N, C-alpha and C. Protein backbone atom coordinates (compact mmCIF):
# COMPACT_ATOMS: atom_id res chain seq x y z
N MET A 1 31.63 5.38 -30.64
CA MET A 1 30.87 5.05 -29.42
C MET A 1 29.74 3.85 -30.20
N THR A 2 28.97 3.26 -29.52
CA THR A 2 28.02 2.24 -29.96
C THR A 2 26.89 3.16 -29.29
N ASP A 3 25.18 2.78 -30.36
CA ASP A 3 24.26 3.25 -29.69
C ASP A 3 23.81 2.76 -27.81
N ALA A 4 24.16 1.63 -27.60
CA ALA A 4 24.24 0.92 -26.27
C ALA A 4 24.56 2.08 -25.36
N ALA A 5 26.18 2.49 -25.69
CA ALA A 5 26.91 3.36 -25.21
C ALA A 5 26.27 4.95 -24.75
N LEU A 6 26.17 5.22 -25.86
CA LEU A 6 24.94 6.52 -25.63
C LEU A 6 24.00 6.77 -24.54
N THR A 7 22.98 5.26 -24.93
CA THR A 7 21.96 5.53 -24.10
C THR A 7 22.12 4.94 -22.61
N ALA A 8 23.11 4.60 -21.84
CA ALA A 8 23.64 3.92 -20.90
C ALA A 8 23.54 4.98 -19.68
N PRO A 9 23.87 6.19 -19.83
CA PRO A 9 24.17 7.50 -18.92
C PRO A 9 22.49 7.53 -18.66
N ALA A 10 21.21 7.93 -19.86
CA ALA A 10 20.42 7.90 -19.62
C ALA A 10 19.55 6.97 -18.70
N ALA A 11 19.69 5.72 -18.75
CA ALA A 11 18.69 4.65 -17.89
C ALA A 11 19.34 4.65 -16.61
N VAL A 12 20.37 5.11 -16.49
CA VAL A 12 21.04 5.14 -15.05
C VAL A 12 20.30 6.44 -14.28
N GLU A 13 19.89 7.55 -15.20
CA GLU A 13 19.34 8.66 -13.97
C GLU A 13 18.07 8.35 -13.91
N GLU A 14 17.43 7.32 -14.98
CA GLU A 14 16.19 6.93 -14.54
C GLU A 14 15.89 7.07 -12.51
N HIS A 15 16.76 6.24 -12.04
CA HIS A 15 16.67 5.69 -10.96
C HIS A 15 17.95 6.48 -10.07
N GLU A 16 17.81 8.05 -9.69
CA GLU A 16 18.85 8.86 -9.29
C GLU A 16 19.17 8.18 -7.54
N HIS A 17 19.96 8.03 -7.31
CA HIS A 17 20.71 7.87 -6.09
C HIS A 17 20.99 8.17 -4.63
N THR A 18 20.58 8.46 -3.04
CA THR A 18 21.71 9.32 -2.44
C THR A 18 22.77 8.74 -2.60
N GLY A 19 23.15 9.71 -1.34
CA GLY A 19 24.58 9.20 -1.30
C GLY A 19 24.77 8.01 -0.28
N THR A 20 23.27 8.17 0.30
CA THR A 20 23.18 6.78 1.22
C THR A 20 23.03 4.99 0.36
N GLY A 21 22.78 5.24 -0.64
CA GLY A 21 22.69 4.19 -1.31
C GLY A 21 20.98 4.00 -1.58
N LEU A 22 19.88 4.73 -0.74
CA LEU A 22 18.71 4.70 -1.26
C LEU A 22 18.54 6.02 -2.21
N ALA A 23 17.30 4.96 -2.99
CA ALA A 23 16.79 5.91 -4.27
C ALA A 23 16.20 7.19 -3.47
N ASN A 24 16.22 8.01 -3.81
CA ASN A 24 15.42 9.75 -3.84
C ASN A 24 13.92 9.82 -3.14
N THR A 25 13.37 8.19 -3.60
CA THR A 25 11.98 8.73 -3.15
C THR A 25 11.83 7.64 -2.21
N LYS A 26 13.08 7.25 -1.80
CA LYS A 26 12.45 5.58 -0.66
C LYS A 26 13.35 6.61 0.21
N LEU A 27 14.38 7.53 0.26
CA LEU A 27 14.84 8.21 1.18
C LEU A 27 13.88 9.62 1.68
N GLY A 28 13.23 9.78 0.58
CA GLY A 28 12.11 10.79 0.92
C GLY A 28 11.06 9.98 2.20
N MET A 29 10.69 9.10 1.76
CA MET A 29 9.72 8.22 2.37
C MET A 29 10.23 8.15 3.60
N TRP A 30 11.27 7.53 3.66
CA TRP A 30 11.72 7.78 5.20
C TRP A 30 11.84 8.41 6.12
N VAL A 31 12.22 9.86 5.21
CA VAL A 31 12.21 11.30 6.26
C VAL A 31 10.89 11.60 6.65
N PHE A 32 10.10 11.05 5.59
CA PHE A 32 8.26 11.63 6.25
C PHE A 32 7.72 10.61 6.93
N LEU A 33 8.41 9.41 7.23
CA LEU A 33 7.57 8.52 8.28
C LEU A 33 8.52 8.68 9.46
N ALA A 34 9.55 8.76 9.44
CA ALA A 34 10.31 9.54 10.40
C ALA A 34 9.43 11.22 10.97
N SER A 35 8.44 11.93 10.51
CA SER A 35 8.54 13.29 11.20
C SER A 35 7.19 12.29 11.58
N GLU A 36 6.58 11.19 10.73
CA GLU A 36 5.21 10.98 11.39
C GLU A 36 5.08 10.17 12.84
N CYS A 37 6.53 9.64 12.98
CA CYS A 37 6.88 8.32 14.27
C CYS A 37 6.66 10.12 15.25
N LEU A 38 7.34 11.34 15.21
CA LEU A 38 7.34 12.40 15.73
C LEU A 38 5.79 12.84 16.42
N PHE A 39 5.15 12.64 15.34
CA PHE A 39 3.50 13.16 15.11
C PHE A 39 2.65 12.17 16.05
N PHE A 40 2.73 11.00 15.91
CA PHE A 40 2.08 10.40 16.33
C PHE A 40 2.50 9.89 17.93
N GLY A 41 3.52 10.02 17.87
CA GLY A 41 4.08 9.98 19.58
C GLY A 41 3.82 11.01 20.30
N ALA A 42 3.71 12.49 19.32
CA ALA A 42 3.07 13.33 20.56
C ALA A 42 1.37 13.46 20.74
N PHE A 43 1.08 12.39 20.02
CA PHE A 43 -0.60 12.57 20.49
C PHE A 43 -0.45 11.27 21.39
N ILE A 44 -0.01 9.89 21.10
CA ILE A 44 0.00 9.31 22.39
C ILE A 44 0.67 9.28 23.32
N SER A 45 1.31 10.43 23.66
CA SER A 45 2.03 10.56 24.80
C SER A 45 0.63 11.60 25.16
N ALA A 46 0.20 12.35 24.70
CA ALA A 46 -1.33 13.15 25.27
C ALA A 46 -2.77 12.12 25.48
N TYR A 47 -2.53 11.34 24.49
CA TYR A 47 -3.55 10.07 25.24
C TYR A 47 -2.86 9.57 26.36
N LEU A 48 -2.20 9.00 26.74
CA LEU A 48 -2.01 8.77 28.44
C LEU A 48 -2.25 9.65 29.61
N LEU A 49 -1.27 11.48 28.82
CA LEU A 49 -1.70 11.90 30.12
C LEU A 49 -3.02 12.39 30.10
N TYR A 50 -3.40 12.57 29.28
CA TYR A 50 -5.42 12.49 29.79
C TYR A 50 -6.68 11.26 29.82
N ARG A 51 -6.30 10.12 29.48
CA ARG A 51 -7.21 9.32 29.43
C ARG A 51 -7.57 9.02 30.78
N GLY A 52 -7.22 9.13 32.09
CA GLY A 52 -7.26 8.81 33.27
C GLY A 52 -7.74 10.28 33.89
N ARG A 53 -8.09 11.54 33.35
CA ARG A 53 -8.71 12.37 33.58
C ARG A 53 -10.29 12.91 33.37
N VAL A 54 -10.93 11.70 33.65
CA VAL A 54 -12.29 11.79 33.34
C VAL A 54 -13.47 12.22 34.18
N VAL A 55 -13.29 13.60 34.26
CA VAL A 55 -14.30 14.03 34.47
C VAL A 55 -16.28 13.77 35.00
N GLU A 56 -16.44 13.76 33.97
CA GLU A 56 -17.69 13.09 33.41
C GLU A 56 -17.85 12.36 32.23
N GLY A 57 -18.60 11.37 32.36
CA GLY A 57 -19.36 10.47 31.09
C GLY A 57 -18.01 9.07 31.05
N PRO A 58 -18.58 8.69 30.00
CA PRO A 58 -18.08 6.97 30.48
C PRO A 58 -16.34 6.94 29.92
N THR A 59 -16.11 5.84 30.97
CA THR A 59 -14.66 5.80 31.35
C THR A 59 -14.07 4.87 30.08
N PRO A 60 -12.62 4.49 29.80
CA PRO A 60 -12.16 3.66 28.51
C PRO A 60 -12.93 2.04 28.87
N ARG A 61 -13.23 1.99 30.37
CA ARG A 61 -13.75 0.45 30.59
C ARG A 61 -15.00 0.40 29.86
N ASP A 62 -15.86 1.20 30.16
CA ASP A 62 -17.19 1.39 29.98
C ASP A 62 -17.64 0.87 28.47
N VAL A 63 -17.01 1.62 27.40
CA VAL A 63 -17.08 1.71 26.02
C VAL A 63 -16.18 0.85 25.31
N TYR A 64 -15.00 0.58 25.95
CA TYR A 64 -14.02 -0.66 24.65
C TYR A 64 -14.67 -1.80 24.79
N ASN A 65 -14.67 -2.50 23.16
CA ASN A 65 -14.85 -3.93 23.29
C ASN A 65 -13.53 -4.37 22.86
N ILE A 66 -13.14 -4.95 23.70
CA ILE A 66 -11.51 -5.61 22.71
C ILE A 66 -11.52 -6.73 22.01
N PRO A 67 -12.43 -7.51 22.25
CA PRO A 67 -12.26 -8.80 21.55
C PRO A 67 -12.92 -8.29 19.88
N PHE A 68 -13.29 -7.08 19.59
CA PHE A 68 -14.27 -6.99 18.36
C PHE A 68 -13.23 -5.74 17.74
N THR A 69 -12.25 -5.01 18.51
CA THR A 69 -11.02 -4.45 18.18
C THR A 69 -9.92 -5.57 17.78
N SER A 70 -9.93 -6.50 18.50
CA SER A 70 -8.85 -7.42 18.09
C SER A 70 -8.85 -8.23 17.10
N VAL A 71 -10.04 -8.24 16.51
CA VAL A 71 -10.62 -8.96 15.22
C VAL A 71 -10.10 -8.19 13.81
N THR A 72 -10.63 -6.76 13.94
CA THR A 72 -10.07 -5.33 13.02
C THR A 72 -8.64 -5.33 12.92
N SER A 73 -8.31 -5.64 14.20
CA SER A 73 -6.60 -5.44 14.35
C SER A 73 -5.43 -6.24 13.36
N PHE A 74 -6.32 -7.38 14.08
CA PHE A 74 -6.15 -8.79 13.05
C PHE A 74 -5.95 -8.89 11.61
N ILE A 75 -7.23 -8.35 10.82
CA ILE A 75 -6.84 -7.98 9.81
C ILE A 75 -6.43 -6.81 9.18
N LEU A 76 -5.85 -5.86 9.58
CA LEU A 76 -5.47 -4.97 9.49
C LEU A 76 -4.02 -5.29 9.20
N LEU A 77 -3.50 -6.47 10.49
CA LEU A 77 -1.64 -6.65 9.87
C LEU A 77 -2.24 -8.06 9.25
N MET A 78 -2.88 -8.40 8.87
CA MET A 78 -2.91 -9.46 7.74
C MET A 78 -2.71 -9.02 6.30
N SER A 79 -2.97 -7.74 6.43
CA SER A 79 -2.91 -6.74 4.97
C SER A 79 -1.42 -6.62 4.71
N SER A 80 -0.38 -6.47 5.93
CA SER A 80 0.88 -6.45 5.58
C SER A 80 1.42 -7.55 4.58
N LEU A 81 0.79 -8.67 5.09
CA LEU A 81 1.29 -10.19 4.10
C LEU A 81 1.12 -9.75 2.91
N THR A 82 0.03 -9.31 3.27
CA THR A 82 -0.60 -9.58 1.41
C THR A 82 -0.14 -8.41 0.38
N MET A 83 0.40 -7.27 0.85
CA MET A 83 0.99 -6.27 0.78
C MET A 83 2.49 -6.85 0.37
N VAL A 84 3.23 -7.43 1.05
CA VAL A 84 4.63 -7.98 0.76
C VAL A 84 4.55 -9.05 -0.68
N LEU A 85 3.23 -9.69 -0.62
CA LEU A 85 2.77 -10.42 -1.61
C LEU A 85 2.65 -9.60 -3.25
N ALA A 86 2.09 -8.51 -2.90
CA ALA A 86 1.78 -7.70 -4.67
C ALA A 86 3.15 -7.26 -4.92
N LEU A 87 3.99 -6.80 -3.76
CA LEU A 87 5.37 -6.11 -4.17
C LEU A 87 6.04 -8.01 -4.83
N ALA A 88 6.03 -8.79 -4.40
CA ALA A 88 6.82 -10.00 -5.25
C ALA A 88 6.32 -10.01 -6.12
N ALA A 89 5.00 -10.12 -6.39
CA ALA A 89 4.56 -9.85 -7.51
C ALA A 89 5.00 -9.31 -8.79
N ILE A 90 4.80 -7.84 -8.47
CA ILE A 90 4.88 -6.99 -9.06
C ILE A 90 6.77 -7.18 -9.65
N GLN A 91 7.38 -7.36 -8.99
CA GLN A 91 8.46 -7.37 -9.40
C GLN A 91 8.74 -8.68 -10.36
N ARG A 92 8.33 -9.45 -10.12
CA ARG A 92 7.93 -10.98 -11.42
C ARG A 92 7.50 -10.64 -12.29
N ASP A 93 6.75 -9.21 -12.72
CA ASP A 93 6.31 -8.78 -13.88
C ASP A 93 4.86 -9.85 -13.76
N ASP A 94 4.06 -10.34 -12.62
CA ASP A 94 3.19 -11.08 -12.52
C ASP A 94 1.90 -10.14 -12.52
N GLY A 95 1.21 -9.16 -13.27
CA GLY A 95 -0.04 -8.26 -13.48
C GLY A 95 -0.88 -8.88 -12.60
N ARG A 96 -1.57 -10.15 -12.74
CA ARG A 96 -2.66 -10.54 -12.46
C ARG A 96 -2.60 -10.47 -10.75
N ARG A 97 -1.47 -11.27 -10.31
CA ARG A 97 -1.45 -11.55 -8.65
C ARG A 97 -1.61 -10.69 -8.20
N PHE A 98 -0.51 -9.33 -8.86
CA PHE A 98 -0.51 -8.56 -8.33
C PHE A 98 -1.84 -7.66 -7.30
N ARG A 99 -2.49 -7.51 -8.72
CA ARG A 99 -4.11 -7.42 -8.88
C ARG A 99 -4.66 -7.75 -7.57
N VAL A 100 -4.22 -8.79 -7.52
CA VAL A 100 -5.25 -9.66 -6.98
C VAL A 100 -4.55 -9.37 -5.30
N TRP A 101 -3.28 -9.05 -4.95
CA TRP A 101 -2.96 -8.77 -3.96
C TRP A 101 -3.37 -7.51 -3.34
N ILE A 102 -2.84 -6.35 -4.63
CA ILE A 102 -3.28 -5.31 -4.13
C ILE A 102 -4.56 -4.78 -3.50
N LEU A 103 -5.49 -5.56 -4.19
CA LEU A 103 -6.89 -5.13 -3.92
C LEU A 103 -7.17 -5.51 -2.83
N ALA A 104 -6.68 -6.96 -2.49
CA ALA A 104 -6.52 -7.57 -1.13
C ALA A 104 -6.10 -7.26 0.26
N THR A 105 -5.26 -6.41 0.10
CA THR A 105 -4.47 -5.16 0.90
C THR A 105 -5.96 -4.22 1.05
N ALA A 106 -6.13 -3.55 0.13
CA ALA A 106 -6.81 -2.41 0.50
C ALA A 106 -8.39 -2.98 0.91
N LEU A 107 -8.68 -4.25 0.72
CA LEU A 107 -10.06 -4.30 1.04
C LEU A 107 -9.89 -4.56 2.54
N PHE A 108 -8.74 -5.08 3.17
CA PHE A 108 -8.49 -5.54 4.45
C PHE A 108 -8.80 -4.18 5.33
N GLY A 109 -7.83 -3.12 4.67
CA GLY A 109 -7.83 -1.72 5.11
C GLY A 109 -9.31 -1.39 4.96
N LEU A 110 -10.10 -1.67 4.13
CA LEU A 110 -11.64 -0.54 4.00
C LEU A 110 -12.35 -2.03 5.25
N VAL A 111 -12.13 -2.68 4.99
CA VAL A 111 -12.33 -3.82 6.40
C VAL A 111 -12.28 -2.82 8.09
N PHE A 112 -11.31 -2.28 8.16
CA PHE A 112 -10.19 -1.84 9.46
C PHE A 112 -11.42 -0.69 9.81
N ILE A 113 -11.73 0.10 8.25
CA ILE A 113 -11.91 1.45 8.40
C ILE A 113 -13.55 0.71 9.06
N GLY A 114 -14.16 0.35 8.01
CA GLY A 114 -15.10 -0.06 8.64
C GLY A 114 -15.72 -0.48 9.94
N GLY A 115 -14.85 -1.03 10.51
CA GLY A 115 -14.98 -1.32 12.19
C GLY A 115 -14.56 -0.36 13.24
N GLN A 116 -13.54 0.51 12.68
CA GLN A 116 -13.63 1.99 13.56
C GLN A 116 -15.15 2.81 13.25
N VAL A 117 -15.48 2.55 12.38
CA VAL A 117 -16.76 3.57 11.89
C VAL A 117 -17.76 3.03 12.53
N TYR A 118 -17.71 2.00 12.90
CA TYR A 118 -18.87 1.03 13.64
C TYR A 118 -18.48 1.68 15.09
N GLU A 119 -17.52 1.35 15.44
CA GLU A 119 -16.75 1.71 16.93
C GLU A 119 -17.10 2.86 17.32
N PHE A 120 -16.69 3.92 16.28
CA PHE A 120 -17.18 4.92 16.74
C PHE A 120 -18.36 5.46 17.20
N THR A 121 -19.07 5.10 16.15
CA THR A 121 -20.95 4.68 16.47
C THR A 121 -21.45 4.22 17.44
N GLU A 122 -21.13 3.42 17.79
CA GLU A 122 -21.20 2.71 19.65
C GLU A 122 -20.92 3.45 20.63
N PHE A 123 -19.35 4.27 20.20
CA PHE A 123 -19.28 4.73 21.30
C PHE A 123 -19.69 6.41 22.26
N TYR A 124 -20.37 6.84 20.71
CA TYR A 124 -21.15 7.67 20.47
C TYR A 124 -22.78 7.55 21.46
N ARG A 125 -23.15 6.19 21.05
CA ARG A 125 -24.51 6.38 21.16
C ARG A 125 -24.80 5.63 23.17
N GLU A 126 -23.50 5.40 23.55
CA GLU A 126 -23.10 5.16 24.99
C GLU A 126 -22.62 6.46 25.48
N GLY A 127 -22.79 7.49 24.81
CA GLY A 127 -22.48 8.78 25.57
C GLY A 127 -20.75 9.72 25.40
N LEU A 128 -20.00 8.63 24.35
CA LEU A 128 -19.01 9.15 24.43
C LEU A 128 -18.56 9.70 22.84
N ALA A 129 -18.24 10.96 23.02
CA ALA A 129 -18.34 12.10 22.06
C ALA A 129 -16.70 12.63 21.75
N LEU A 130 -16.43 13.54 21.14
CA LEU A 130 -15.23 14.24 21.14
C LEU A 130 -15.61 15.41 22.21
N SER A 131 -16.06 15.61 22.51
CA SER A 131 -16.46 16.94 23.51
C SER A 131 -17.06 16.32 25.07
N THR A 132 -17.16 15.22 25.07
CA THR A 132 -17.66 14.76 26.55
C THR A 132 -16.30 14.83 27.34
N ASN A 133 -15.37 14.90 27.48
CA ASN A 133 -14.47 14.57 28.68
C ASN A 133 -12.84 15.21 27.43
N VAL A 134 -12.04 15.00 28.40
CA VAL A 134 -10.69 14.96 27.77
C VAL A 134 -10.20 13.23 27.28
N PHE A 135 -10.95 12.39 28.12
CA PHE A 135 -10.44 11.30 27.35
C PHE A 135 -11.23 10.58 25.96
N GLY A 136 -12.42 11.34 26.15
CA GLY A 136 -13.04 11.15 24.23
C GLY A 136 -12.42 11.92 23.53
N SER A 137 -11.89 13.28 23.84
CA SER A 137 -10.88 14.65 23.02
C SER A 137 -9.94 13.21 22.52
N SER A 138 -8.90 13.05 23.81
CA SER A 138 -7.83 12.13 23.24
C SER A 138 -7.58 11.16 22.72
N PHE A 139 -8.85 10.24 22.74
CA PHE A 139 -9.08 9.02 21.76
C PHE A 139 -9.37 9.36 20.33
N PHE A 140 -10.64 9.91 20.20
CA PHE A 140 -11.27 10.03 18.91
C PHE A 140 -9.81 10.73 17.89
N VAL A 141 -9.21 11.86 18.69
CA VAL A 141 -8.33 12.36 17.44
C VAL A 141 -7.35 11.26 16.93
N LEU A 142 -6.33 10.72 18.48
CA LEU A 142 -5.81 9.66 18.51
C LEU A 142 -5.87 8.69 17.43
N THR A 143 -6.78 8.04 17.28
CA THR A 143 -7.56 6.89 16.58
C THR A 143 -7.97 7.15 15.22
N GLY A 144 -8.94 8.49 15.21
CA GLY A 144 -8.93 9.62 13.84
C GLY A 144 -8.46 9.43 13.14
N LEU A 145 -7.30 9.62 13.76
CA LEU A 145 -5.99 10.31 12.86
C LEU A 145 -5.43 9.41 12.36
N HIS A 146 -5.39 8.12 12.97
CA HIS A 146 -4.14 6.68 12.31
C HIS A 146 -5.82 6.53 11.32
N GLY A 147 -7.15 6.70 11.28
CA GLY A 147 -7.71 6.02 10.49
C GLY A 147 -7.66 6.98 8.60
N ALA A 148 -7.36 8.13 9.42
CA ALA A 148 -7.23 8.80 8.11
C ALA A 148 -5.86 8.41 7.39
N HIS A 149 -4.85 8.14 7.82
CA HIS A 149 -3.72 7.36 7.49
C HIS A 149 -3.94 6.35 6.42
N VAL A 150 -4.99 5.43 7.26
CA VAL A 150 -5.17 4.01 6.85
C VAL A 150 -5.97 4.60 5.31
N THR A 151 -6.41 5.22 5.49
CA THR A 151 -7.26 5.85 4.22
C THR A 151 -6.79 6.64 2.98
N ALA A 152 -5.98 7.33 3.25
CA ALA A 152 -5.11 7.62 2.20
C ALA A 152 -4.20 6.70 1.53
N GLY A 153 -4.05 5.38 2.63
CA GLY A 153 -3.14 4.24 2.04
C GLY A 153 -3.77 3.66 1.15
N ILE A 154 -5.00 3.37 1.54
CA ILE A 154 -6.04 2.40 0.53
C ILE A 154 -6.83 3.40 -0.84
N VAL A 155 -6.28 4.90 -0.97
CA VAL A 155 -6.07 5.30 -1.91
C VAL A 155 -5.03 5.12 -2.67
N TRP A 156 -4.12 5.10 -2.35
CA TRP A 156 -2.72 4.83 -3.02
C TRP A 156 -3.03 3.89 -3.21
N LEU A 157 -3.43 2.81 -2.66
CA LEU A 157 -3.44 1.38 -3.33
C LEU A 157 -4.23 1.30 -4.91
N LEU A 158 -4.99 1.57 -4.44
CA LEU A 158 -6.31 1.79 -5.25
C LEU A 158 -5.98 1.68 -6.86
N SER A 159 -5.08 3.31 -6.54
CA SER A 159 -4.67 3.52 -7.55
C SER A 159 -3.40 3.20 -7.86
N LEU A 160 -2.67 2.26 -7.86
CA LEU A 160 -1.99 0.95 -8.34
C LEU A 160 -2.22 -0.16 -9.11
N TRP A 161 -3.35 -0.28 -7.94
CA TRP A 161 -4.19 -1.14 -8.92
C TRP A 161 -4.51 -0.70 -9.98
N ALA A 162 -5.22 0.56 -9.93
CA ALA A 162 -5.42 1.02 -11.34
C ALA A 162 -4.92 1.16 -12.65
N MET A 163 -3.63 1.52 -12.38
CA MET A 163 -2.43 1.82 -12.82
C MET A 163 -1.89 0.90 -13.84
N ASN A 164 -1.89 -0.27 -12.72
CA ASN A 164 -1.52 -1.83 -13.16
C ASN A 164 -2.59 -2.23 -14.32
N THR A 165 -3.79 -1.95 -13.59
CA THR A 165 -5.05 -2.76 -14.84
C THR A 165 -5.04 -1.91 -16.40
N THR A 166 -4.62 -0.84 -16.03
CA THR A 166 -4.27 -0.15 -17.61
C THR A 166 -3.13 -0.06 -18.09
N GLY A 167 -1.91 -1.01 -17.55
CA GLY A 167 -0.97 -1.13 -18.57
C GLY A 167 -0.05 0.26 -17.87
N LYS A 168 -0.08 0.61 -16.93
CA LYS A 168 0.69 1.85 -16.60
C LYS A 168 2.03 1.21 -15.57
N LEU A 169 1.78 0.00 -15.01
CA LEU A 169 2.51 0.09 -13.66
C LEU A 169 2.86 -1.52 -14.41
N GLY A 170 4.32 -1.65 -14.65
CA GLY A 170 4.96 -2.96 -14.57
C GLY A 170 6.60 -3.15 -13.81
N ALA A 171 6.80 -3.76 -14.15
CA ALA A 171 8.43 -4.37 -12.91
C ALA A 171 8.99 -3.23 -12.93
N ALA A 172 8.86 -2.46 -13.87
CA ALA A 172 10.65 -1.78 -13.96
C ALA A 172 9.67 -0.36 -13.21
N ASP A 173 8.23 -0.87 -12.40
CA ASP A 173 7.74 0.63 -11.66
C ASP A 173 7.83 -0.21 -10.14
N ALA A 174 8.36 -1.34 -9.93
CA ALA A 174 8.30 -1.78 -8.68
C ALA A 174 8.66 -0.87 -7.37
N GLU A 175 9.33 -0.21 -8.00
CA GLU A 175 9.60 0.65 -6.30
C GLU A 175 8.56 1.78 -5.98
N LYS A 176 7.79 1.98 -7.19
CA LYS A 176 6.55 2.73 -6.47
C LYS A 176 5.48 1.75 -5.86
N VAL A 177 5.93 0.52 -5.58
CA VAL A 177 4.86 -0.46 -4.81
C VAL A 177 5.51 -0.32 -3.73
N GLU A 178 7.20 -0.54 -3.70
CA GLU A 178 7.64 -0.69 -2.38
C GLU A 178 7.95 0.73 -1.50
N VAL A 179 7.54 1.82 -2.34
CA VAL A 179 7.38 2.76 -1.62
C VAL A 179 6.00 3.26 -0.68
N ALA A 180 5.04 2.99 -1.87
CA ALA A 180 3.45 2.19 -1.00
C ALA A 180 3.61 1.07 0.38
N GLY A 181 4.28 0.35 0.38
CA GLY A 181 4.21 -0.82 0.98
C GLY A 181 5.06 -0.08 2.34
N LEU A 182 6.21 0.65 2.27
CA LEU A 182 6.86 0.93 3.61
C LEU A 182 5.81 2.04 4.25
N TYR A 183 5.13 2.83 3.53
CA TYR A 183 3.96 3.75 4.09
C TYR A 183 2.51 2.83 4.59
N TRP A 184 2.49 1.41 4.06
CA TRP A 184 1.56 0.52 4.69
C TRP A 184 2.21 -0.16 5.76
N HIS A 185 3.24 -0.38 5.74
CA HIS A 185 3.69 -1.11 6.89
C HIS A 185 3.77 -0.19 7.81
N PHE A 186 3.92 0.93 7.44
CA PHE A 186 4.48 2.13 8.60
C PHE A 186 3.03 2.19 10.03
N VAL A 187 2.04 2.23 9.00
CA VAL A 187 0.08 2.30 9.30
C VAL A 187 -0.21 1.14 10.25
N ASP A 188 0.19 0.29 9.89
CA ASP A 188 -0.06 -1.12 10.29
C ASP A 188 0.79 -0.81 11.81
N VAL A 189 2.24 -0.78 11.56
CA VAL A 189 3.21 -0.74 13.13
C VAL A 189 2.37 0.18 14.02
N VAL A 190 2.29 1.38 13.81
CA VAL A 190 1.50 2.39 14.95
C VAL A 190 0.36 1.81 15.24
N TRP A 191 -0.35 1.30 14.34
CA TRP A 191 -1.87 0.65 14.96
C TRP A 191 -1.45 -0.16 16.33
N ILE A 192 -0.05 -1.30 16.02
CA ILE A 192 0.16 -2.05 17.21
C ILE A 192 0.54 -1.02 18.08
N VAL A 193 0.89 -0.13 18.01
CA VAL A 193 1.13 0.95 19.10
C VAL A 193 0.26 1.03 19.79
N ILE A 194 -0.77 1.60 19.15
CA ILE A 194 -1.86 2.42 19.35
C ILE A 194 -3.11 1.34 20.12
N PHE A 195 -3.25 0.50 19.67
CA PHE A 195 -4.18 -0.56 19.82
C PHE A 195 -3.39 -0.79 21.44
N THR A 196 -2.11 -1.30 21.65
CA THR A 196 -1.41 -1.84 22.93
C THR A 196 -1.80 -0.49 23.72
N VAL A 197 -1.44 0.56 23.95
CA VAL A 197 -1.74 1.70 24.52
C VAL A 197 -2.93 1.80 24.98
N VAL A 198 -4.04 1.81 23.94
CA VAL A 198 -5.29 2.72 23.94
C VAL A 198 -6.07 1.40 24.53
N TYR A 199 -6.05 0.40 24.30
CA TYR A 199 -6.94 -0.87 24.65
C TYR A 199 -6.32 -1.71 25.73
N LEU A 200 -4.95 -2.16 25.93
CA LEU A 200 -4.52 -3.23 26.52
C LEU A 200 -4.01 -2.63 27.94
N ILE A 201 -3.35 -1.75 27.86
CA ILE A 201 -2.84 -1.18 28.97
C ILE A 201 -3.98 -0.58 29.75
N PRO A 202 -4.41 -1.22 30.94
CA PRO A 202 -5.18 -0.78 32.06
C PRO A 202 -5.24 0.53 32.72
N THR A 203 -6.12 1.01 32.33
CA THR A 203 -6.35 2.83 33.13
C THR A 203 -5.46 3.28 34.36
N GLY A 204 -5.52 1.82 35.42
CA GLY A 204 -5.02 2.33 36.87
C GLY A 204 -6.47 2.43 37.69
């Protein structure tokens, strides 16, 4: 028996797959994202239920700045494109371009978070806080939780950038980037839903 034959089983075990044909890490991420769909679905439903029940304080029409939020939303959505480019680069083992695109993705996310912080500050100045009314409570909890998910994603992306910079992430580890990409695309899609429901659908 040759040395290649002896080492082949070990190489196969490096990427264990489930009965679905998906790698364990990918399946785990899909299961996690499915639970997150239920999580955000519950908070979006709560927002829809309570946003029209404003007893006192500012209403959505009083505080929303749709053009500003549209710009930050577009920037976040553009980060999905740079995430795809980063994955393609690492699959080609092009470390330089990977670092450029993954850093661009993280920076787009940071711009979005910065815009959200600015928006929250403006809302507070106009009299809308977490405890002002049920609209304020449901709005800040829903958008704040999404912002927390984006922040976690930014930390994840920067860790991948650092790993590649130190030579610990290459083409053989492309699956790690793909799994991170699944998470990042998910928070982008969730924001499309939140932006549509929270900002674009009239309160009636």
